[in-house]
């Protein structure tokens, strides 16, 4: 059985042991919004969805903020 791979994983075949817990507090409206989304898209593993959503957002931002030799203004000239 092949594992689902994401580019932010160092080695997709390596088993990742999760030992660090994070917790957040949500308002009633935020919780309802998330629950509706999960139900609409038939997502059953909330923990995995939250983890992947957060990490993918961070990964995309890190790619966009990657330092370049020239600034954006210089490259548009």
PDB file of N, CA and C in Angstrom:
ATOM      1  N   UNK A   1       0.843  -1.178   0.000  1.00  0.00           N
ATOM      2  CA  UNK A   1       0.000   0.000   0.000  1.00  0.00           C
ATOM      3  C   UNK A   1       0.889   1.242   0.000  1.00  0.00           C
ATOM      4  N   UNK A   2       0.667   2.114  -0.949  1.00  0.00           N
ATOM      5  CA  UNK A   2       1.482   3.311  -1.087  1.00  0.00           C
ATOM      6  C   UNK A   2       0.881   4.454  -0.288  1.00  0.00           C
ATOM      7  N   UNK A   3       1.724   5.170   0.460  1.00  0.00           N
ATOM      8  CA  UNK A   3       1.265   6.305   1.267  1.00  0.00           C
ATOM      9  C   UNK A   3       1.072   7.531   0.404  1.00  0.00           C
ATOM     10  N   UNK A   4       0.137   8.370   0.812  1.00  0.00           N
ATOM     11  CA  UNK A   4      -0.086   9.649   0.142  1.00  0.00           C
ATOM     12  C   UNK A   4       1.090  10.564   0.462  1.00  0.00           C
ATOM     13  N   UNK A   5       1.700  11.155  -0.560  1.00  0.00           N
ATOM     14  CA  UNK A   5       2.899  11.968  -0.355  1.00  0.00           C
ATOM     15  C   UNK A   5       2.596  13.449  -0.576  1.00  0.00           C
ATOM     16  N   UNK A   6       3.207  14.270   0.230  1.00  0.00           N
ATOM     17  CA  UNK A   6       3.158  15.711   0.057  1.00  0.00           C
ATOM     18  C   UNK A   6       4.583  16.208  -0.039  1.00  0.00           C
ATOM     19  N   UNK A   7       4.802  17.256  -0.790  1.00  0.00           N
ATOM     20  CA  UNK A   7       6.162  17.722  -1.029  1.00  0.00           C
ATOM     21  C   UNK A   7       6.838  18.273   0.218  1.00  0.00           C
ATOM     22  N   UNK A   8       6.076  18.596   1.272  1.00  0.00           N
ATOM     23  CA  UNK A   8       6.719  19.104   2.471  1.00  0.00           C
ATOM     24  C   UNK A   8       7.280  17.977   3.338  1.00  0.00           C
ATOM     25  N   UNK A   9       6.968  16.717   3.005  1.00  0.00           N
ATOM     26  CA  UNK A   9       7.559  15.601   3.728  1.00  0.00           C
ATOM     27  C   UNK A   9       8.958  15.341   3.191  1.00  0.00           C
ATOM     28  N   UNK A  10       9.898  15.104   4.075  1.00  0.00           N
ATOM     29  CA  UNK A  10      11.271  14.845   3.649  1.00  0.00           C
ATOM     30  C   UNK A  10      11.369  13.521   2.911  1.00  0.00           C
ATOM     31  N   UNK A  11      10.756  12.491   3.445  1.00  0.00           N
ATOM     32  CA  UNK A  11      10.809  11.180   2.829  1.00  0.00           C
ATOM     33  C   UNK A  11       9.423  10.564   2.959  1.00  0.00           C
ATOM     34  N   UNK A  12       8.737  10.411   1.847  1.00  0.00           N
ATOM     35  CA  UNK A  12       7.350   9.961   1.882  1.00  0.00           C
ATOM     36  C   UNK A  12       7.217   8.530   2.391  1.00  0.00           C
ATOM     37  N   UNK A  13       8.193   7.714   2.164  1.00  0.00           N
ATOM     38  CA  UNK A  13       8.097   6.327   2.588  1.00  0.00           C
ATOM     39  C   UNK A  13       8.426   6.163   4.072  1.00  0.00           C
ATOM     40  N   UNK A  14       9.074   7.145   4.658  1.00  0.00           N
ATOM     41  CA  UNK A  14       9.437   7.078   6.061  1.00  0.00           C
ATOM     42  C   UNK A  14       8.203   7.340   6.915  1.00  0.00           C
ATOM     43  N   UNK A  15       7.991   6.501   7.905  1.00  0.00           N
ATOM     44  CA  UNK A  15       6.859   6.679   8.800  1.00  0.00           C
ATOM     45  C   UNK A  15       7.118   7.898   9.685  1.00  0.00           C
ATOM     46  N   UNK A  16       6.123   8.756   9.787  1.00  0.00           N
ATOM     47  CA  UNK A  16       6.273   9.973  10.575  1.00  0.00           C
ATOM     48  C   UNK A  16       5.548   9.784  11.898  1.00  0.00           C
ATOM     49  N   UNK A  17       6.288   9.831  12.981  1.00  0.00           N
ATOM     50  CA  UNK A  17       5.705   9.696  14.301  1.00  0.00           C
ATOM     51  C   UNK A  17       5.378  11.091  14.826  1.00  0.00           C
ATOM     52  N   UNK A  18       4.121  11.303  15.129  1.00  0.00           N
ATOM     53  CA  UNK A  18       3.684  12.607  15.617  1.00  0.00           C
ATOM     54  C   UNK A  18       3.645  12.588  17.133  1.00  0.00           C
ATOM     55  N   UNK A  19       4.503  13.374  17.735  1.00  0.00           N
ATOM     56  CA  UNK A  19       4.613  13.383  19.190  1.00  0.00           C
ATOM     57  C   UNK A  19       4.234  14.713  19.827  1.00  0.00           C
ATOM     58  N   UNK A  20       4.064  15.753  19.033  1.00  0.00           N
ATOM     59  CA  UNK A  20       3.804  17.091  19.565  1.00  0.00           C
ATOM     60  C   UNK A  20       2.344  17.464  19.342  1.00  0.00           C
ATOM     61  N   UNK A  21       1.674  17.765  20.423  1.00  0.00           N
ATOM     62  CA  UNK A  21       0.250  18.085  20.371  1.00  0.00           C
ATOM     63  C   UNK A  21       0.060  19.595  20.286  1.00  0.00           C
ATOM     64  N   UNK A  22      -0.928  19.998  19.501  1.00  0.00           N
ATOM     65  CA  UNK A  22      -1.332  21.396  19.431  1.00  0.00           C
ATOM     66  C   UNK A  22      -2.837  21.444  19.673  1.00  0.00           C
ATOM     67  N   UNK A  23      -3.286  22.510  20.277  1.00  0.00           N
ATOM     68  CA  UNK A  23      -4.729  22.660  20.471  1.00  0.00           C
ATOM     69  C   UNK A  23      -5.110  24.108  20.205  1.00  0.00           C
ATOM     70  N   UNK A  24      -6.338  24.288  19.751  1.00  0.00           N
ATOM     71  CA  UNK A  24      -6.842  25.631  19.469  1.00  0.00           C
ATOM     72  C   UNK A  24      -8.263  25.748  20.023  1.00  0.00           C
ATOM     73  N   UNK A  25      -8.690  26.961  20.221  1.00  0.00           N
ATOM     74  CA  UNK A  25     -10.065  27.219  20.631  1.00  0.00           C
ATOM     75  C   UNK A  25     -10.783  27.901  19.474  1.00  0.00           C
ATOM     76  N   UNK A  26     -12.014  27.479  19.225  1.00  0.00           N
ATOM     77  CA  UNK A  26     -12.828  28.054  18.153  1.00  0.00           C
ATOM     78  C   UNK A  26     -14.113  28.614  18.729  1.00  0.00           C
ATOM     79  N   UNK A  27     -14.642  29.615  18.068  1.00  0.00           N
ATOM     80  CA  UNK A  27     -15.963  30.107  18.447  1.00  0.00           C
ATOM     81  C   UNK A  27     -17.001  29.115  17.916  1.00  0.00           C
ATOM     82  N   UNK A  28     -18.220  29.269  18.357  1.00  0.00           N
ATOM     83  CA  UNK A  28     -19.303  28.392  17.905  1.00  0.00           C
ATOM     84  C   UNK A  28     -19.477  28.488  16.383  1.00  0.00           C
ATOM     85  N   UNK A  29     -19.398  29.709  15.845  1.00  0.00           N
ATOM     86  CA  UNK A  29     -19.569  29.910  14.398  1.00  0.00           C
ATOM     87  C   UNK A  29     -18.433  29.250  13.608  1.00  0.00           C
ATOM     88  N   UNK A  30     -17.215  29.386  14.096  1.00  0.00           N
ATOM     89  CA  UNK A  30     -16.070  28.765  13.413  1.00  0.00           C
ATOM     90  C   UNK A  30     -16.201  27.246  13.404  1.00  0.00           C
ATOM     91  N   UNK A  31     -16.610  26.692  14.537  1.00  0.00           N
ATOM     92  CA  UNK A  31     -16.782  25.238  14.630  1.00  0.00           C
ATOM     93  C   UNK A  31     -17.868  24.760  13.675  1.00  0.00           C
ATOM     94  N   UNK A  32     -18.976  25.467  13.618  1.00  0.00           N
ATOM     95  CA  UNK A  32     -20.061  25.094  12.701  1.00  0.00           C
ATOM     96  C   UNK A  32     -19.619  25.179  11.248  1.00  0.00           C
ATOM     97  N   UNK A  33     -18.850  26.210  10.929  1.00  0.00           N
ATOM     98  CA  UNK A  33     -18.360  26.379   9.570  1.00  0.00           C
ATOM     99  C   UNK A  33     -17.457  25.197   9.171  1.00  0.00           C
ATOM    100  N   UNK A  34     -16.567  24.814  10.049  1.00  0.00           N
ATOM    101  CA  UNK A  34     -15.678  23.685   9.772  1.00  0.00           C
ATOM    102  C   UNK A  34     -16.482  22.398   9.648  1.00  0.00           C
ATOM    103  N   UNK A  35     -17.413  22.178  10.549  1.00  0.00           N
ATOM    104  CA  UNK A  35     -18.234  20.963  10.504  1.00  0.00           C
ATOM    105  C   UNK A  35     -19.038  20.874   9.206  1.00  0.00           C
ATOM    106  N   UNK A  36     -19.603  21.993   8.766  1.00  0.00           N
ATOM    107  CA  UNK A  36     -20.345  22.003   7.502  1.00  0.00           C
ATOM    108  C   UNK A  36     -19.443  21.670   6.320  1.00  0.00           C
ATOM    109  N   UNK A  37     -18.247  22.238   6.326  1.00  0.00           N
ATOM    110  CA  UNK A  37     -17.284  21.976   5.253  1.00  0.00           C
ATOM    111  C   UNK A  37     -16.919  20.491   5.214  1.00  0.00           C
ATOM    112  N   UNK A  38     -16.605  19.930   6.360  1.00  0.00           N
ATOM    113  CA  UNK A  38     -16.223  18.519   6.426  1.00  0.00           C
ATOM    114  C   UNK A  38     -17.360  17.617   5.969  1.00  0.00           C
ATOM    115  N   UNK A  39     -18.571  17.963   6.349  1.00  0.00           N
ATOM    116  CA  UNK A  39     -19.728  17.166   5.938  1.00  0.00           C
ATOM    117  C   UNK A  39     -19.973  17.294   4.431  1.00  0.00           C
ATOM    118  N   UNK A  40     -19.884  18.513   3.912  1.00  0.00           N
ATOM    119  CA  UNK A  40     -20.135  18.747   2.487  1.00  0.00           C
ATOM    120  C   UNK A  40     -19.159  17.971   1.611  1.00  0.00           C
ATOM    121  N   UNK A  41     -17.881  17.963   1.994  1.00  0.00           N
ATOM    122  CA  UNK A  41     -16.865  17.296   1.188  1.00  0.00           C
ATOM    123  C   UNK A  41     -16.529  15.892   1.684  1.00  0.00           C
ATOM    124  N   UNK A  42     -17.381  15.377   2.576  1.00  0.00           N
ATOM    125  CA  UNK A  42     -17.272  14.007   3.081  1.00  0.00           C
ATOM    126  C   UNK A  42     -15.874  13.684   3.613  1.00  0.00           C
ATOM    127  N   UNK A  43     -15.340  14.597   4.405  1.00  0.00           N
ATOM    128  CA  UNK A  43     -14.031  14.417   5.034  1.00  0.00           C
ATOM    129  C   UNK A  43     -14.274  13.776   6.397  1.00  0.00           C
ATOM    130  N   UNK A  44     -13.706  12.599   6.602  1.00  0.00           N
ATOM    131  CA  UNK A  44     -13.956  11.869   7.842  1.00  0.00           C
ATOM    132  C   UNK A  44     -12.832  12.010   8.856  1.00  0.00           C
ATOM    133  N   UNK A  45     -11.630  12.321   8.401  1.00  0.00           N
ATOM    134  CA  UNK A  45     -10.501  12.447   9.314  1.00  0.00           C
ATOM    135  C   UNK A  45     -10.189  13.929   9.516  1.00  0.00           C
ATOM    136  N   UNK A  46     -10.804  14.525  10.525  1.00  0.00           N
ATOM    137  CA  UNK A  46     -10.662  15.967  10.780  1.00  0.00           C
ATOM    138  C   UNK A  46      -9.224  16.339  11.142  1.00  0.00           C
ATOM    139  N   UNK A  47      -8.588  15.513  11.935  1.00  0.00           N
ATOM    140  CA  UNK A  47      -7.223  15.793  12.363  1.00  0.00           C
ATOM    141  C   UNK A  47      -6.270  15.863  11.170  1.00  0.00           C
ATOM    142  N   UNK A  48      -6.351  14.875  10.281  1.00  0.00           N
ATOM    143  CA  UNK A  48      -5.482  14.874   9.108  1.00  0.00           C
ATOM    144  C   UNK A  48      -5.788  16.062   8.209  1.00  0.00           C
ATOM    145  N   UNK A  49      -7.077  16.362   8.029  1.00  0.00           N
ATOM    146  CA  UNK A  49      -7.456  17.495   7.186  1.00  0.00           C
ATOM    147  C   UNK A  49      -6.903  18.805   7.740  1.00  0.00           C
ATOM    148  N   UNK A  50      -7.057  19.035   9.056  1.00  0.00           N
ATOM    149  CA  UNK A  50      -6.532  20.252   9.661  1.00  0.00           C
ATOM    150  C   UNK A  50      -5.014  20.337   9.509  1.00  0.00           C
ATOM    151  N   UNK A  51      -4.331  19.241   9.803  1.00  0.00           N
ATOM    152  CA  UNK A  51      -2.868  19.212   9.703  1.00  0.00           C
ATOM    153  C   UNK A  51      -2.413  19.506   8.279  1.00  0.00           C
ATOM    154  N   UNK A  52      -2.991  18.832   7.293  1.00  0.00           N
ATOM    155  CA  UNK A  52      -2.597  19.035   5.901  1.00  0.00           C
ATOM    156  C   UNK A  52      -2.942  20.429   5.409  1.00  0.00           C
ATOM    157  N   UNK A  53      -4.082  20.955   5.826  1.00  0.00           N
ATOM    158  CA  UNK A  53      -4.494  22.298   5.406  1.00  0.00           C
ATOM    159  C   UNK A  53      -3.538  23.351   5.947  1.00  0.00           C
ATOM    160  N   UNK A  54      -3.208  23.240   7.210  1.00  0.00           N
ATOM    161  CA  UNK A  54      -2.294  24.209   7.831  1.00  0.00           C
ATOM    162  C   UNK A  54      -0.906  24.112   7.220  1.00  0.00           C
ATOM    163  N   UNK A  55      -0.376  22.894   7.105  1.00  0.00           N
ATOM    164  CA  UNK A  55       0.977  22.717   6.581  1.00  0.00           C
ATOM    165  C   UNK A  55       1.071  23.107   5.108  1.00  0.00           C
ATOM    166  N   UNK A  56       0.031  22.834   4.336  1.00  0.00           N
ATOM    167  CA  UNK A  56       0.047  23.229   2.929  1.00  0.00           C
ATOM    168  C   UNK A  56       0.036  24.747   2.794  1.00  0.00           C
ATOM    169  N   UNK A  57      -0.737  25.432   3.625  1.00  0.00           N
ATOM    170  CA  UNK A  57      -0.762  26.890   3.630  1.00  0.00           C
ATOM    171  C   UNK A  57       0.629  27.451   3.955  1.00  0.00           C
ATOM    172  N   UNK A  58       1.259  26.896   4.981  1.00  0.00           N
ATOM    173  CA  UNK A  58       2.600  27.336   5.361  1.00  0.00           C
ATOM    174  C   UNK A  58       3.595  27.067   4.248  1.00  0.00           C
ATOM    175  N   UNK A  59       3.529  25.888   3.657  1.00  0.00           N
ATOM    176  CA  UNK A  59       4.448  25.517   2.581  1.00  0.00           C
ATOM    177  C   UNK A  59       4.329  26.470   1.388  1.00  0.00           C
ATOM    178  N   UNK A  60       3.096  26.777   0.990  1.00  0.00           N
ATOM    179  CA  UNK A  60       2.892  27.698  -0.140  1.00  0.00           C
ATOM    180  C   UNK A  60       3.436  29.086   0.173  1.00  0.00           C
ATOM    181  N   UNK A  61       3.206  29.571   1.388  1.00  0.00           N
ATOM    182  CA  UNK A  61       3.729  30.885   1.775  1.00  0.00           C
ATOM    183  C   UNK A  61       5.248  30.893   1.794  1.00  0.00           C
ATOM    184  N   UNK A  62       5.850  29.818   2.256  1.00  0.00           N
ATOM    185  CA  UNK A  62       7.307  29.736   2.281  1.00  0.00           C
ATOM    186  C   UNK A  62       7.875  29.754   0.862  1.00  0.00           C
ATOM    187  N   UNK A  63       7.194  29.097  -0.072  1.00  0.00           N
ATOM    188  CA  UNK A  63       7.635  29.112  -1.472  1.00  0.00           C
ATOM    189  C   UNK A  63       7.561  30.518  -2.056  1.00  0.00           C
ATOM    190  N   UNK A  64       6.487  31.238  -1.739  1.00  0.00           N
ATOM    191  CA  UNK A  64       6.312  32.595  -2.253  1.00  0.00           C
ATOM    192  C   UNK A  64       7.309  33.568  -1.642  1.00  0.00           C
ATOM    193  N   UNK A  65       7.669  33.349  -0.391  1.00  0.00           N
ATOM    194  CA  UNK A  65       8.583  34.245   0.319  1.00  0.00           C
ATOM    195  C   UNK A  65      10.043  33.851   0.175  1.00  0.00           C
ATOM    196  N   UNK A  66      10.311  32.891  -0.682  1.00  0.00           N
ATOM    197  CA  UNK A  66      11.678  32.411  -0.854  1.00  0.00           C
ATOM    198  C   UNK A  66      12.561  33.566  -1.318  1.00  0.00           C
ATOM    199  N   UNK A  67      13.715  33.755  -0.687  1.00  0.00           N
ATOM    200  CA  UNK A  67      14.578  34.884  -1.074  1.00  0.00           C
ATOM    201  C   UNK A  67      15.107  34.733  -2.504  1.00  0.00           C
ATOM    202  N   UNK A  68      15.123  35.830  -3.229  1.00  0.00           N
ATOM    203  CA  UNK A  68      15.631  35.821  -4.601  1.00  0.00           C
ATOM    204  C   UNK A  68      16.799  36.788  -4.696  1.00  0.00           C
ATOM    205  N   UNK A  69      17.529  36.671  -5.773  1.00  0.00           N
ATOM    206  CA  UNK A  69      18.691  37.521  -5.971  1.00  0.00           C
ATOM    207  C   UNK A  69      18.269  38.977  -6.164  1.00  0.00           C
ATOM    208  N   UNK A  70      17.124  39.174  -6.853  1.00  0.00           N
ATOM    209  CA  UNK A  70      16.624  40.523  -7.114  1.00  0.00           C
ATOM    210  C   UNK A  70      15.256  40.682  -6.485  1.00  0.00           C
ATOM    211  N   UNK A  71      14.908  41.902  -6.099  1.00  0.00           N
ATOM    212  CA  UNK A  71      13.593  42.195  -5.556  1.00  0.00           C
ATOM    213  C   UNK A  71      12.543  42.164  -6.654  1.00  0.00           C
ATOM    214  N   UNK A  72      11.299  42.128  -6.282  1.00  0.00           N
ATOM    215  CA  UNK A  72      10.195  42.079  -7.253  1.00  0.00           C
ATOM    216  C   UNK A  72      10.215  43.323  -8.150  1.00  0.00           C
ATOM    217  N   UNK A  73      10.478  44.475  -7.571  1.00  0.00           N
ATOM    218  CA  UNK A  73      10.512  45.716  -8.338  1.00  0.00           C
ATOM    219  C   UNK A  73      11.599  45.657  -9.424  1.00  0.00           C
ATOM    220  N   UNK A  74      12.785  45.160  -9.073  1.00  0.00           N
ATOM    221  CA  UNK A  74      13.883  45.057 -10.041  1.00  0.00           C
ATOM    222  C   UNK A  74      13.571  44.090 -11.165  1.00  0.00           C
ATOM    223  N   UNK A  75      12.852  42.997 -10.847  1.00  0.00           N
ATOM    224  CA  UNK A  75      12.573  41.983 -11.858  1.00  0.00           C
ATOM    225  C   UNK A  75      11.502  42.447 -12.839  1.00  0.00           C
ATOM    226  N   UNK A  76      10.646  43.383 -12.447  1.00  0.00           N
ATOM    227  CA  UNK A  76       9.582  43.868 -13.338  1.00  0.00           C
ATOM    228  C   UNK A  76      10.074  44.906 -14.343  1.00  0.00           C
ATOM    229  N   UNK A  77      11.279  45.392 -14.168  1.00  0.00           N
ATOM    230  CA  UNK A  77      11.817  46.407 -15.072  1.00  0.00           C
ATOM    231  C   UNK A  77      12.114  45.856 -16.418  1.00  0.00           C
TER     232      UNK A  77
END
